[in-house]
Amino acid sequence: MESLRDAHRRKWGGSSEEVAVYRAPGRVVLRGGAAVAAVDADCYVTRSRNAGGELRVISENQGEERRWPVSALPVVQPMGDWSDLVVGAAKELFRAGYGVEPANLRVHSGVPVGAGLGAGVALTVAVAWALLDGRAVEEAELVRVCRRAGSRFAGQPWAELDPLATVRGGFVGEWPGEGAVVVMEGETVEGFAEMVRGTAGVHEAWRAGSGCVVVVTDAARAQGVEEQIRARYRLACGVEPRVYRGPAAVGWDLAR
């Protein structure tokens, strides 16, 4: 956390005590969209006060900066890029009756873009938490705000389960039995899902976006199955996969 605060201070100034850190995990949509689970890949947003009446954000991943007068939030329009999710969260919080204070934000995300892991959802939720800055908000209200920021403002086809899994940091929806979710992202995944379906301890495997395979395993054998899958992936694809183990590795959070 201190490295994130230090990077924020190098950009925006201020003391470490003035910099708050907020985190939201990525998520993966399970078969048919009836269930969604958070994964162990996070988006971080750091926040400090802005003295100029603006909302300013820099994305370390994109290498870009955006700024808007807070007074313009009611009429701000999408730009068609990553920043729509930032200002969309601010606009929808304002519409929901939450005052948005001028702030400097820095985004650093470990959720891969385009891998089916909900990088945009994680960004939106982390920004919303940063703009709330510790104020209480009901889970359902936060989910509605984030969904509207994505679907209404930024044009993303999100269902409520998308931000809900990220807000909870766990599993939501319906899924038969228990299991562990392992998401592997690499350069080549064609045919890999079919290959691992025959692995002992694997309930199901399928491709879920560009460079992404979802594997649902027997929870009791999750670690051993993951080692087998890593070895088969290296053999089949010639690269080391990035593996994200969802919180289901120790049992599903079935609260709805």
Protein backbone atom coordinates (compact mmCIF):
# COMPACT_ATOMS: atom_id res chain seq x y z
CA MET A 1 0.00 0.00 0.00
CA GLU A 2 2.83 2.39 0.78
CA SER A 3 4.24 2.00 -2.74
CA LEU A 4 0.84 3.00 -4.13
CA ARG A 5 0.71 6.02 -1.83
CA ASP A 6 4.25 7.01 -2.79
CA ALA A 7 3.43 6.82 -6.51
CA HIS A 8 0.33 8.96 -5.91
CA ARG A 9 2.34 11.57 -4.02
CA ARG A 10 4.95 11.75 -6.78
CA LYS A 11 2.16 12.68 -9.18
CA TRP A 12 -0.18 14.80 -7.04
CA GLY A 13 1.88 15.85 -4.02
CA GLY A 14 0.68 15.86 -0.40
CA SER A 15 1.57 13.59 2.51
CA SER A 16 1.04 9.85 2.84
CA GLU A 17 -1.65 10.51 5.45
CA GLU A 18 -3.67 12.42 2.85
CA VAL A 19 -3.71 9.53 0.36
CA ALA A 20 -6.38 6.83 0.69
CA VAL A 21 -6.20 3.47 -1.14
CA TYR A 22 -9.22 1.59 -2.49
CA ARG A 23 -9.29 -1.86 -4.10
CA ALA A 24 -11.74 -3.88 -6.20
CA PRO A 25 -11.17 -7.38 -7.64
CA GLY A 26 -11.79 -8.55 -11.18
CA ARG A 27 -14.54 -11.04 -11.87
CA VAL A 28 -15.28 -13.93 -14.19
CA VAL A 29 -18.68 -14.84 -15.61
CA LEU A 30 -19.44 -18.53 -15.26
CA ARG A 31 -21.31 -20.61 -17.80
CA GLY A 32 -24.43 -18.90 -19.16
CA GLY A 33 -24.01 -15.77 -17.05
CA ALA A 34 -26.03 -17.33 -14.20
CA ALA A 35 -23.12 -17.04 -11.79
CA VAL A 36 -20.17 -14.68 -11.36
CA ALA A 37 -17.09 -15.03 -9.15
CA ALA A 38 -14.41 -12.57 -8.10
CA VAL A 39 -10.81 -13.49 -8.92
CA ASP A 40 -7.50 -12.73 -7.25
CA ALA A 41 -6.57 -9.84 -9.53
CA ASP A 42 -7.20 -6.31 -8.30
CA CYS A 43 -7.64 -2.73 -9.45
CA TYR A 44 -6.29 -0.09 -7.05
CA VAL A 45 -7.37 3.55 -6.97
CA THR A 46 -5.60 6.06 -4.74
CA ARG A 47 -7.27 9.34 -3.81
CA SER A 48 -6.34 12.72 -2.41
CA ARG A 49 -8.10 16.10 -2.30
CA ASN A 50 -8.05 18.40 -5.31
CA ALA A 51 -7.93 22.12 -4.49
CA GLY A 52 -9.00 23.26 -7.95
CA GLY A 53 -12.59 22.03 -8.02
CA GLU A 54 -11.78 19.21 -10.44
CA LEU A 55 -11.95 15.46 -10.68
CA ARG A 56 -8.59 14.43 -12.12
CA VAL A 57 -7.47 10.89 -12.84
CA ILE A 58 -4.35 9.32 -14.24
CA SER A 59 -4.24 5.70 -15.41
CA GLU A 60 -0.81 4.16 -15.01
CA ASN A 61 -1.93 1.29 -17.27
CA GLN A 62 -3.06 3.58 -20.08
CA GLY A 63 -0.43 6.28 -19.50
CA GLU A 64 -3.16 8.93 -19.84
CA GLU A 65 -4.73 11.64 -17.72
CA ARG A 66 -8.24 13.10 -17.74
CA ARG A 67 -9.87 16.00 -15.86
CA TRP A 68 -13.39 17.37 -15.43
CA PRO A 69 -14.81 20.25 -13.37
CA VAL A 70 -16.93 18.70 -10.62
CA SER A 71 -19.57 21.31 -11.37
CA ALA A 72 -19.93 19.82 -14.89
CA LEU A 73 -20.80 16.27 -13.73
CA PRO A 74 -24.55 16.67 -14.39
CA VAL A 75 -23.92 17.38 -18.10
CA VAL A 76 -20.66 15.53 -18.83
CA GLN A 77 -20.75 13.27 -21.91
CA PRO A 78 -18.86 10.03 -22.73
CA MET A 79 -15.55 10.24 -24.59
CA GLY A 80 -15.54 6.65 -25.79
CA ASP A 81 -12.52 5.46 -23.80
CA TRP A 82 -11.51 4.06 -20.39
CA SER A 83 -12.23 7.35 -18.65
CA ASP A 84 -15.98 6.96 -19.27
CA LEU A 85 -16.06 4.43 -16.43
CA VAL A 86 -14.40 6.92 -14.08
CA VAL A 87 -16.57 9.93 -14.81
CA GLY A 88 -19.59 7.65 -15.25
CA ALA A 89 -19.15 6.45 -11.65
CA ALA A 90 -18.90 10.06 -10.50
CA LYS A 91 -21.98 11.13 -12.48
CA GLU A 92 -24.11 8.22 -11.26
CA LEU A 93 -23.07 8.81 -7.64
CA PHE A 94 -24.13 12.44 -8.08
CA ARG A 95 -27.45 11.35 -9.62
CA ALA A 96 -28.01 9.02 -6.66
CA GLY A 97 -27.63 11.90 -4.21
CA TYR A 98 -24.02 11.40 -3.14
CA GLY A 99 -22.00 14.59 -3.32
CA VAL A 100 -18.80 14.18 -5.33
CA GLU A 101 -15.90 16.14 -3.90
CA PRO A 102 -12.99 17.36 -6.06
CA ALA A 103 -10.32 14.66 -6.03
CA ASN A 104 -7.08 13.47 -7.58
CA LEU A 105 -7.19 9.77 -8.49
CA ARG A 106 -4.50 7.39 -9.66
CA VAL A 107 -5.45 4.02 -11.17
CA HIS A 108 -3.17 1.00 -11.11
CA SER A 109 -4.84 -2.22 -12.22
CA GLY A 110 -3.60 -5.79 -12.20
CA VAL A 111 -6.74 -7.03 -13.98
CA PRO A 112 -5.85 -7.82 -17.61
CA VAL A 113 -7.89 -5.93 -20.19
CA GLY A 114 -9.68 -8.08 -22.77
CA ALA A 115 -9.25 -11.36 -20.88
CA GLY A 116 -12.84 -11.71 -19.68
CA LEU A 117 -11.87 -10.79 -16.11
CA GLY A 118 -13.94 -7.63 -15.72
CA ALA A 119 -11.19 -4.99 -15.80
CA GLY A 120 -13.80 -2.29 -16.45
CA VAL A 121 -16.07 -3.50 -13.65
CA ALA A 122 -13.17 -3.48 -11.18
CA LEU A 123 -12.18 0.03 -12.26
CA THR A 124 -15.73 1.34 -11.84
CA VAL A 125 -16.22 -0.18 -8.39
CA ALA A 126 -12.80 0.98 -7.13
CA VAL A 127 -13.45 4.52 -8.38
CA ALA A 128 -16.91 4.57 -6.76
CA TRP A 129 -15.42 3.54 -3.42
CA ALA A 130 -12.70 6.19 -3.79
CA LEU A 131 -15.26 8.91 -4.53
CA LEU A 132 -17.43 7.81 -1.60
CA ASP A 133 -14.27 8.10 0.51
CA GLY A 134 -15.51 6.06 3.44
CA ARG A 135 -19.15 7.14 3.39
CA ALA A 136 -21.64 4.38 4.08
CA VAL A 137 -23.61 3.00 1.13
CA GLU A 138 -25.88 0.00 0.87
CA GLU A 139 -24.56 -2.85 -1.26
CA ALA A 140 -27.59 -2.79 -3.57
CA GLU A 141 -27.24 0.97 -4.12
CA LEU A 142 -23.54 0.71 -4.95
CA VAL A 143 -24.24 -2.12 -7.39
CA ARG A 144 -26.94 -0.04 -9.13
CA VAL A 145 -24.66 2.99 -9.35
CA CYS A 146 -21.81 0.97 -10.85
CA ARG A 147 -24.06 -0.87 -13.28
CA ARG A 148 -25.56 2.40 -14.52
CA ALA A 149 -22.08 3.90 -14.88
CA GLY A 150 -21.13 0.99 -17.13
CA SER A 151 -24.35 0.32 -19.02
CA ARG A 152 -26.04 3.72 -19.16
CA PHE A 153 -23.03 6.01 -19.45
CA ALA A 154 -20.19 3.92 -20.89
CA GLY A 155 -22.30 1.56 -23.01
CA GLN A 156 -21.11 -1.68 -21.41
CA PRO A 157 -23.52 -4.69 -21.46
CA TRP A 158 -23.30 -5.37 -17.72
CA ALA A 159 -25.81 -7.29 -15.65
CA GLU A 160 -26.19 -6.65 -11.93
CA LEU A 161 -24.18 -9.78 -11.14
CA ASP A 162 -21.08 -8.20 -12.70
CA PRO A 163 -20.56 -5.39 -10.17
CA LEU A 164 -22.15 -7.45 -7.37
CA ALA A 165 -19.42 -10.10 -7.47
CA THR A 166 -16.76 -7.39 -7.46
CA VAL A 167 -18.41 -5.47 -4.61
CA ARG A 168 -18.70 -8.64 -2.52
CA GLY A 169 -15.33 -10.02 -3.54
CA GLY A 170 -16.84 -13.49 -3.78
CA PHE A 171 -19.32 -15.66 -5.62
CA VAL A 172 -22.88 -14.73 -6.56
CA GLY A 173 -25.58 -16.53 -8.49
CA GLU A 174 -26.42 -20.20 -8.89
CA TRP A 175 -23.90 -22.99 -9.30
CA PRO A 176 -24.46 -26.70 -8.57
CA GLY A 177 -22.27 -27.93 -5.75
CA GLU A 178 -18.90 -26.61 -4.66
CA GLY A 179 -15.74 -26.08 -6.61
CA ALA A 180 -12.74 -23.86 -7.22
CA VAL A 181 -12.42 -21.45 -10.12
CA VAL A 182 -9.06 -21.10 -11.82
CA VAL A 183 -8.73 -18.61 -14.66
CA MET A 184 -5.76 -18.94 -16.99
CA GLU A 185 -4.72 -16.20 -19.37
CA GLY A 186 -2.04 -16.63 -22.01
CA GLU A 187 -1.26 -16.15 -25.65
CA THR A 188 -2.80 -19.39 -26.94
CA VAL A 189 -5.91 -21.04 -25.53
CA GLU A 190 -7.55 -22.57 -28.60
CA GLY A 191 -8.58 -26.13 -27.78
CA PHE A 192 -7.18 -26.01 -24.26
CA ALA A 193 -10.57 -26.11 -22.54
CA GLU A 194 -11.40 -29.34 -24.36
CA MET A 195 -8.05 -30.79 -23.33
CA VAL A 196 -8.42 -30.19 -19.58
CA ARG A 197 -12.02 -31.41 -19.34
CA GLY A 198 -10.66 -34.94 -19.07
CA THR A 199 -8.39 -34.08 -16.13
CA ALA A 200 -9.30 -35.84 -12.89
CA GLY A 201 -10.97 -33.40 -10.52
CA VAL A 202 -12.17 -31.02 -13.25
CA HIS A 203 -15.95 -30.53 -13.38
CA GLU A 204 -16.04 -28.19 -16.37
CA ALA A 205 -13.80 -25.98 -18.49
CA TRP A 206 -14.58 -23.44 -21.16
CA ARG A 207 -13.23 -20.45 -22.99
CA ALA A 208 -14.53 -17.14 -21.62
CA GLY A 209 -13.13 -14.33 -23.71
CA SER A 210 -9.87 -13.49 -25.40
CA GLY A 211 -6.97 -15.43 -23.91
CA CYS A 212 -9.02 -16.79 -21.02
CA VAL A 213 -10.10 -20.26 -19.89
CA VAL A 214 -12.28 -20.97 -16.86
CA VAL A 215 -11.86 -24.28 -15.02
CA VAL A 216 -14.24 -25.43 -12.28
CA THR A 217 -12.59 -28.03 -10.08
CA ASP A 218 -13.31 -30.22 -7.09
CA ALA A 219 -12.58 -27.92 -4.12
CA ALA A 220 -10.86 -30.68 -2.15
CA ARG A 221 -8.43 -31.31 -5.02
CA ALA A 222 -8.04 -27.75 -6.28
CA GLN A 223 -4.31 -27.36 -5.62
CA GLY A 224 -3.34 -30.65 -7.23
CA VAL A 225 -5.59 -30.01 -10.21
CA GLU A 226 -4.09 -26.55 -10.68
CA GLU A 227 -0.58 -28.05 -10.82
CA GLN A 228 -1.71 -30.53 -13.48
CA ILE A 229 -3.36 -27.78 -15.51
CA ARG A 230 -0.27 -25.58 -15.34
CA ALA A 231 1.88 -28.42 -16.64
CA ARG A 232 -0.54 -29.24 -19.47
CA TYR A 233 -0.82 -25.57 -20.42
CA ARG A 234 2.96 -25.18 -20.64
CA LEU A 235 3.17 -28.34 -22.75
CA ALA A 236 0.32 -27.38 -25.09
CA CYS A 237 0.92 -23.64 -25.40
CA GLY A 238 4.62 -23.23 -24.73
CA VAL A 239 4.09 -20.40 -22.22
CA GLU A 240 3.53 -20.08 -18.49
CA PRO A 241 -0.10 -19.18 -17.81
CA ARG A 242 -1.19 -16.44 -15.46
CA VAL A 243 -3.48 -18.15 -12.98
CA TYR A 244 -6.12 -16.44 -10.86
CA ARG A 245 -7.72 -18.49 -8.14
CA GLY A 246 -11.14 -17.26 -7.10
CA PRO A 247 -12.27 -17.17 -3.47
CA ALA A 248 -14.13 -20.41 -4.18
CA ALA A 249 -10.87 -22.25 -3.59
CA VAL A 250 -12.00 -22.57 0.03
CA GLY A 251 -15.72 -22.98 -0.72
CA TRP A 252 -18.35 -20.82 -2.39
CA ASP A 253 -19.85 -17.76 -0.78
CA LEU A 254 -23.46 -18.56 -1.59
CA ALA A 255 -24.98 -15.48 0.05
CA ARG A 256 -27.32 -13.61 -2.31
